[in-house]
Amino acid sequence: MQQSPKDRIGTIAEGLELLSENVGALDATIDVLRDADNNRGLWVLGGQADEEAAKILILLDLFRMDRRDQRAMTRQLQRFHQHLARSIYVEMVHMSPADFREARTIVESMRPSHYLDGPNDIDWIYPNQLLAERERRLYVDLVSEEEGGRWTTPADEVFGFGGPSRAVRDLVGSLARLGLTSPDGLELVAETWADFDVEDETQWREIVGMNSEIAEALVDKELPTAQAEQTDVDRLVGGWGFPLGGLDLSQIEVSQAELRQKQERWMPA
């Protein structure tokens, strides 16, 4: 943020190119693991590739934000290193909220540090689902539960269902091939979004319209690479969702003691 806007675009574009290359290299390795039926390695690398792709979306959202709001832009850059923020970006690629209010509600549901669930919706206390799934996929760990501590291992996870979704990686690959992650592409995004404010009433179709305008401008400026295809345009237009830069993606600390009190007060209908 101490760089001039021009230098910042150059720095970010360089990082986006490296991130795109890394995501592609990880995906190539994932294909090898899938052919070898190495499901544990597939899930580990798939999760890592998703988070690397999420970094791309986090950086791109800088150019859909108000450039004058330095505090918000700094907060957005900090998300580059935050596990929960990256996981939320990955998850939101798979969502189809009708408007920004619904997108905000979905994000809020992913933020609590603990929550109640079970047959009666209050039976057990669980840690944040996105972070817990990430930990289980990667590490052997000693987990504290209501019944006591127990060891978990990636070997306990259910593998063999085709691996993690490639939706987020396919999306960022398409954005790169269309030239959106280049310095000129980033400037184009910033110019297109300069006078557009996202509010709770903002509809999904309005985001699609913005994406269509960006896609047409990329083609007019001859920014797509030789590898770009119509599929890449379709992913940009229909797959690059609401910007999350204006939302709070930090973890909401929920007291387990309060959740236990809620359990004790619960009575069947």
Protein backbone atom coordinates (compact mmCIF):
# COMPACT_ATOMS: atom_id res chain seq x y z
CA MET A 1 0.00 0.00 0.00
CA GLN A 2 3.04 2.27 0.23
CA GLN A 3 3.53 1.92 -3.53
CA SER A 4 2.07 4.28 -6.08
CA PRO A 5 -1.10 2.94 -7.78
CA LYS A 6 0.86 2.28 -10.99
CA ASP A 7 3.66 0.39 -9.20
CA ARG A 8 1.09 -1.49 -7.14
CA ILE A 9 -0.66 -2.76 -10.26
CA GLY A 10 2.67 -3.99 -11.63
CA THR A 11 3.55 -5.77 -8.39
CA ILE A 12 0.14 -7.42 -8.10
CA ALA A 13 0.10 -8.46 -11.77
CA GLU A 14 3.49 -10.13 -11.27
CA GLY A 15 2.15 -12.01 -8.25
CA LEU A 16 -0.98 -13.04 -10.13
CA GLU A 17 1.11 -14.50 -12.93
CA LEU A 18 3.14 -16.55 -10.42
CA LEU A 19 0.02 -17.68 -8.58
CA SER A 20 -1.64 -18.76 -11.84
CA GLU A 21 1.45 -20.76 -12.79
CA ASN A 22 1.53 -22.41 -9.36
CA VAL A 23 -2.16 -23.35 -9.51
CA GLY A 24 -1.62 -24.88 -12.95
CA ALA A 25 1.41 -26.86 -11.75
CA LEU A 26 -0.48 -28.16 -8.72
CA ASP A 27 -3.42 -29.19 -10.91
CA ALA A 28 -1.07 -31.12 -13.20
CA THR A 29 0.26 -33.00 -10.17
CA ILE A 30 -3.30 -33.61 -8.95
CA ASP A 31 -4.09 -35.31 -12.27
CA VAL A 32 -1.10 -37.63 -11.76
CA LEU A 33 -2.29 -38.47 -8.23
CA ARG A 34 -5.81 -39.15 -9.49
CA ASP A 35 -4.49 -41.56 -12.13
CA ALA A 36 -2.48 -43.31 -9.40
CA ASP A 37 -5.54 -43.51 -7.07
CA ASN A 38 -3.57 -41.54 -4.47
CA ASN A 39 -6.64 -39.95 -2.93
CA ARG A 40 -5.03 -38.59 0.21
CA GLY A 41 -2.40 -36.70 -1.76
CA LEU A 42 -5.06 -35.57 -4.21
CA TRP A 43 -7.14 -33.97 -1.46
CA VAL A 44 -4.15 -32.33 0.22
CA LEU A 45 -2.86 -30.77 -3.00
CA GLY A 46 -6.38 -29.96 -4.16
CA GLY A 47 -6.98 -27.97 -1.00
CA GLN A 48 -3.68 -26.17 -1.39
CA ALA A 49 -4.41 -25.36 -5.03
CA ASP A 50 -7.83 -24.00 -4.06
CA GLU A 51 -6.26 -21.68 -1.48
CA GLU A 52 -3.66 -20.47 -3.99
CA ALA A 53 -6.51 -19.75 -6.40
CA ALA A 54 -8.37 -17.92 -3.63
CA LYS A 55 -5.36 -15.61 -3.27
CA ILE A 56 -5.91 -14.61 -6.89
CA LEU A 57 -9.56 -13.73 -6.22
CA ILE A 58 -8.56 -11.79 -3.10
CA LEU A 59 -6.09 -9.68 -5.06
CA LEU A 60 -8.55 -9.16 -7.93
CA ASP A 61 -11.17 -7.84 -5.53
CA LEU A 62 -8.82 -4.94 -4.75
CA PHE A 63 -9.70 -3.61 -8.19
CA ARG A 64 -13.44 -3.85 -7.55
CA MET A 65 -13.10 -1.68 -4.41
CA ASP A 66 -13.08 2.08 -3.84
CA ARG A 67 -9.44 3.06 -4.33
CA ARG A 68 -9.90 5.96 -1.94
CA ASP A 69 -10.66 3.63 0.98
CA GLN A 70 -7.09 2.82 1.97
CA ARG A 71 -8.14 1.09 5.20
CA ALA A 72 -10.45 -1.33 3.39
CA MET A 73 -7.79 -2.08 0.78
CA THR A 74 -5.22 -2.79 3.48
CA ARG A 75 -7.69 -5.15 5.18
CA GLN A 76 -8.22 -6.90 1.86
CA LEU A 77 -4.49 -7.42 1.36
CA GLN A 78 -4.22 -8.93 4.84
CA ARG A 79 -6.71 -11.62 3.81
CA PHE A 80 -4.02 -12.99 1.49
CA HIS A 81 -2.51 -14.69 4.58
CA GLN A 82 -5.73 -15.66 6.42
CA HIS A 83 -6.92 -19.27 6.26
CA LEU A 84 -10.58 -18.47 6.94
CA ALA A 85 -10.77 -15.64 4.40
CA ARG A 86 -9.22 -17.84 1.70
CA SER A 87 -11.60 -20.69 2.57
CA ILE A 88 -14.60 -18.34 2.33
CA TYR A 89 -13.48 -17.17 -1.10
CA VAL A 90 -13.22 -20.79 -2.24
CA GLU A 91 -16.65 -21.66 -0.86
CA MET A 92 -18.37 -18.64 -2.40
CA VAL A 93 -17.31 -19.67 -5.91
CA HIS A 94 -19.69 -22.61 -5.50
CA MET A 95 -22.59 -20.43 -4.31
CA SER A 96 -25.29 -18.73 -6.40
CA PRO A 97 -26.78 -15.96 -4.24
CA ALA A 98 -29.59 -14.04 -5.90
CA ASP A 99 -28.45 -10.71 -4.46
CA PHE A 100 -25.73 -9.26 -2.29
CA ARG A 101 -27.86 -9.51 0.85
CA GLU A 102 -27.97 -13.28 0.40
CA ALA A 103 -24.21 -13.35 -0.24
CA ARG A 104 -23.67 -11.44 3.00
CA THR A 105 -25.87 -13.91 4.90
CA ILE A 106 -23.95 -16.89 3.50
CA VAL A 107 -20.63 -15.35 4.48
CA GLU A 108 -21.89 -14.59 8.00
CA SER A 109 -22.84 -18.26 8.44
CA MET A 110 -19.21 -19.27 7.72
CA ARG A 111 -17.60 -16.99 10.30
CA PRO A 112 -18.50 -18.32 13.82
CA SER A 113 -15.67 -20.06 15.66
CA HIS A 114 -18.15 -22.61 17.09
CA TYR A 115 -21.74 -23.61 16.41
CA LEU A 116 -24.41 -26.08 17.50
CA ASP A 117 -25.64 -28.91 15.30
CA GLY A 118 -27.04 -32.43 15.43
CA PRO A 119 -30.42 -34.13 15.05
CA ASN A 120 -32.06 -31.38 17.14
CA ASP A 121 -29.72 -28.63 15.85
CA ILE A 122 -28.30 -28.20 19.37
CA ASP A 123 -26.89 -31.62 20.27
CA TRP A 124 -23.16 -30.99 19.86
CA ILE A 125 -20.71 -28.12 19.68
CA TYR A 126 -18.59 -28.00 16.54
CA PRO A 127 -15.64 -25.78 15.59
CA ASN A 128 -15.75 -23.57 12.50
CA GLN A 129 -16.58 -25.95 9.69
CA LEU A 130 -14.28 -24.50 7.01
CA LEU A 131 -11.23 -24.38 9.28
CA ALA A 132 -11.96 -27.80 10.79
CA GLU A 133 -12.23 -29.40 7.34
CA ARG A 134 -8.97 -27.76 6.31
CA GLU A 135 -7.19 -29.08 9.42
CA ARG A 136 -8.58 -32.61 9.05
CA ARG A 137 -7.49 -32.75 5.43
CA LEU A 138 -3.91 -31.69 6.18
CA TYR A 139 -2.84 -32.74 9.67
CA VAL A 140 -2.79 -35.39 12.36
CA ASP A 141 -4.15 -33.55 15.37
CA LEU A 142 -5.47 -34.00 18.90
CA VAL A 143 -8.99 -32.58 18.87
CA SER A 144 -10.90 -31.51 21.97
CA GLU A 145 -14.53 -32.62 21.95
CA GLU A 146 -17.33 -32.72 24.51
CA GLU A 147 -16.61 -36.38 25.21
CA GLY A 148 -12.88 -35.64 25.61
CA GLY A 149 -9.85 -35.52 23.34
CA ARG A 150 -9.29 -37.78 20.36
CA TRP A 151 -6.73 -38.07 17.60
CA THR A 152 -7.71 -37.32 14.02
CA THR A 153 -5.76 -38.13 10.89
CA PRO A 154 -6.26 -37.45 7.18
CA ALA A 155 -6.59 -41.23 6.83
CA ASP A 156 -9.97 -40.95 8.60
CA GLU A 157 -11.37 -38.77 5.87
CA VAL A 158 -13.47 -40.26 3.10
CA PHE A 159 -11.52 -40.16 -0.14
CA GLY A 160 -12.28 -41.38 -3.63
CA PHE A 161 -15.13 -39.07 -4.63
CA GLY A 162 -13.20 -37.46 -7.47
CA GLY A 163 -11.22 -35.06 -5.31
CA PRO A 164 -11.94 -31.45 -4.44
CA SER A 165 -13.88 -29.30 -6.88
CA ARG A 166 -11.84 -27.49 -9.51
CA ALA A 167 -14.42 -24.72 -9.92
CA VAL A 168 -12.30 -22.03 -8.29
CA ARG A 169 -9.13 -23.10 -10.11
CA ASP A 170 -10.92 -23.27 -13.46
CA LEU A 171 -12.27 -19.76 -12.85
CA VAL A 172 -8.92 -18.15 -12.09
CA GLY A 173 -7.34 -20.00 -15.01
CA SER A 174 -9.93 -18.51 -17.33
CA LEU A 175 -9.41 -15.01 -15.92
CA ALA A 176 -5.67 -15.31 -16.54
CA ARG A 177 -6.09 -16.58 -20.12
CA LEU A 178 -8.43 -13.69 -20.88
CA GLY A 179 -5.74 -11.23 -19.80
CA LEU A 180 -7.70 -9.92 -16.83
CA THR A 181 -4.76 -10.49 -14.46
CA SER A 182 -2.35 -8.43 -16.62
CA PRO A 183 -1.60 -4.78 -15.69
CA ASP A 184 -3.91 -3.54 -18.48
CA GLY A 185 -6.59 -6.02 -17.41
CA LEU A 186 -6.43 -4.92 -13.78
CA GLU A 187 -6.69 -1.27 -14.81
CA LEU A 188 -9.69 -2.15 -16.97
CA VAL A 189 -11.43 -3.84 -14.02
CA ALA A 190 -10.76 -0.83 -11.81
CA GLU A 191 -12.15 1.57 -14.41
CA THR A 192 -15.25 -0.55 -14.99
CA TRP A 193 -16.00 -0.75 -11.27
CA ALA A 194 -15.06 2.85 -10.42
CA ASP A 195 -18.66 4.12 -10.28
CA PHE A 196 -20.44 0.92 -9.25
CA ASP A 197 -21.43 0.52 -5.60
CA VAL A 198 -22.56 -2.89 -4.37
CA GLU A 199 -25.50 -2.75 -1.97
CA ASP A 200 -27.66 -5.42 -0.37
CA GLU A 201 -30.22 -4.97 -3.17
CA THR A 202 -27.63 -5.51 -5.92
CA GLN A 203 -28.82 -8.42 -8.05
CA TRP A 204 -26.71 -11.24 -9.46
CA ARG A 205 -27.71 -10.19 -12.99
CA GLU A 206 -26.04 -6.81 -12.39
CA ILE A 207 -22.75 -8.57 -11.62
CA VAL A 208 -23.18 -10.63 -14.77
CA GLY A 209 -23.65 -7.39 -16.69
CA MET A 210 -20.43 -5.95 -15.24
CA ASN A 211 -18.57 -9.15 -16.11
CA SER A 212 -19.93 -9.04 -19.67
CA GLU A 213 -18.73 -5.46 -20.05
CA ILE A 214 -15.26 -6.46 -18.80
CA ALA A 215 -15.14 -9.48 -21.15
CA GLU A 216 -16.00 -7.34 -24.17
CA ALA A 217 -13.39 -4.73 -23.23
CA LEU A 218 -10.71 -7.41 -22.79
CA VAL A 219 -11.39 -8.66 -26.31
CA ASP A 220 -11.47 -5.12 -27.75
CA LYS A 221 -8.06 -4.43 -26.21
CA GLU A 222 -6.76 -7.78 -27.54
CA LEU A 223 -5.68 -8.87 -24.06
CA PRO A 224 -6.73 -12.57 -24.19
CA THR A 225 -3.92 -15.04 -24.79
CA ALA A 226 -3.80 -17.46 -27.71
CA GLN A 227 -5.05 -20.21 -25.36
CA ALA A 228 -8.28 -18.36 -24.47
CA GLU A 229 -11.56 -20.00 -25.51
CA GLN A 230 -15.26 -19.22 -25.33
CA THR A 231 -15.43 -21.36 -22.18
CA ASP A 232 -13.16 -18.84 -20.47
CA VAL A 233 -15.53 -16.01 -21.37
CA ASP A 234 -18.47 -18.01 -20.02
CA ARG A 235 -16.65 -18.60 -16.73
CA LEU A 236 -15.84 -14.92 -16.35
CA VAL A 237 -19.36 -13.76 -17.14
CA GLY A 238 -21.25 -16.38 -15.14
CA GLY A 239 -18.73 -17.49 -12.53
CA TRP A 240 -17.00 -14.41 -11.11
CA GLY A 241 -19.40 -13.59 -8.32
CA PHE A 242 -20.07 -10.75 -5.93
CA PRO A 243 -16.99 -8.87 -4.65
CA LEU A 244 -16.30 -9.71 -1.01
CA GLY A 245 -13.95 -6.83 -0.26
CA GLY A 246 -16.62 -4.88 1.60
CA LEU A 247 -17.62 -7.78 3.87
CA ASP A 248 -16.10 -8.78 7.19
CA LEU A 249 -14.45 -12.19 6.72
CA SER A 250 -12.84 -12.43 10.16
CA GLN A 251 -13.77 -15.16 12.59
CA ILE A 252 -16.60 -14.46 15.01
CA GLU A 253 -15.58 -15.71 18.44
CA VAL A 254 -18.46 -17.69 19.93
CA SER A 255 -18.32 -18.68 23.60
CA GLN A 256 -18.65 -22.42 24.11
CA ALA A 257 -20.06 -21.71 27.58
CA GLU A 258 -22.92 -19.75 26.01
CA LEU A 259 -23.56 -22.57 23.57
CA ARG A 260 -23.74 -25.05 26.47
CA GLN A 261 -26.24 -22.79 28.21
CA LYS A 262 -28.31 -22.79 25.04
CA GLN A 263 -28.18 -26.58 25.03
CA GLU A 264 -29.35 -26.69 28.65
CA ARG A 265 -32.26 -24.31 27.99
CA TRP A 266 -33.44 -26.20 24.92
CA MET A 267 -36.71 -28.07 25.19
CA PRO A 268 -38.28 -30.29 22.50
CA ALA A 269 -41.22 -28.75 20.66
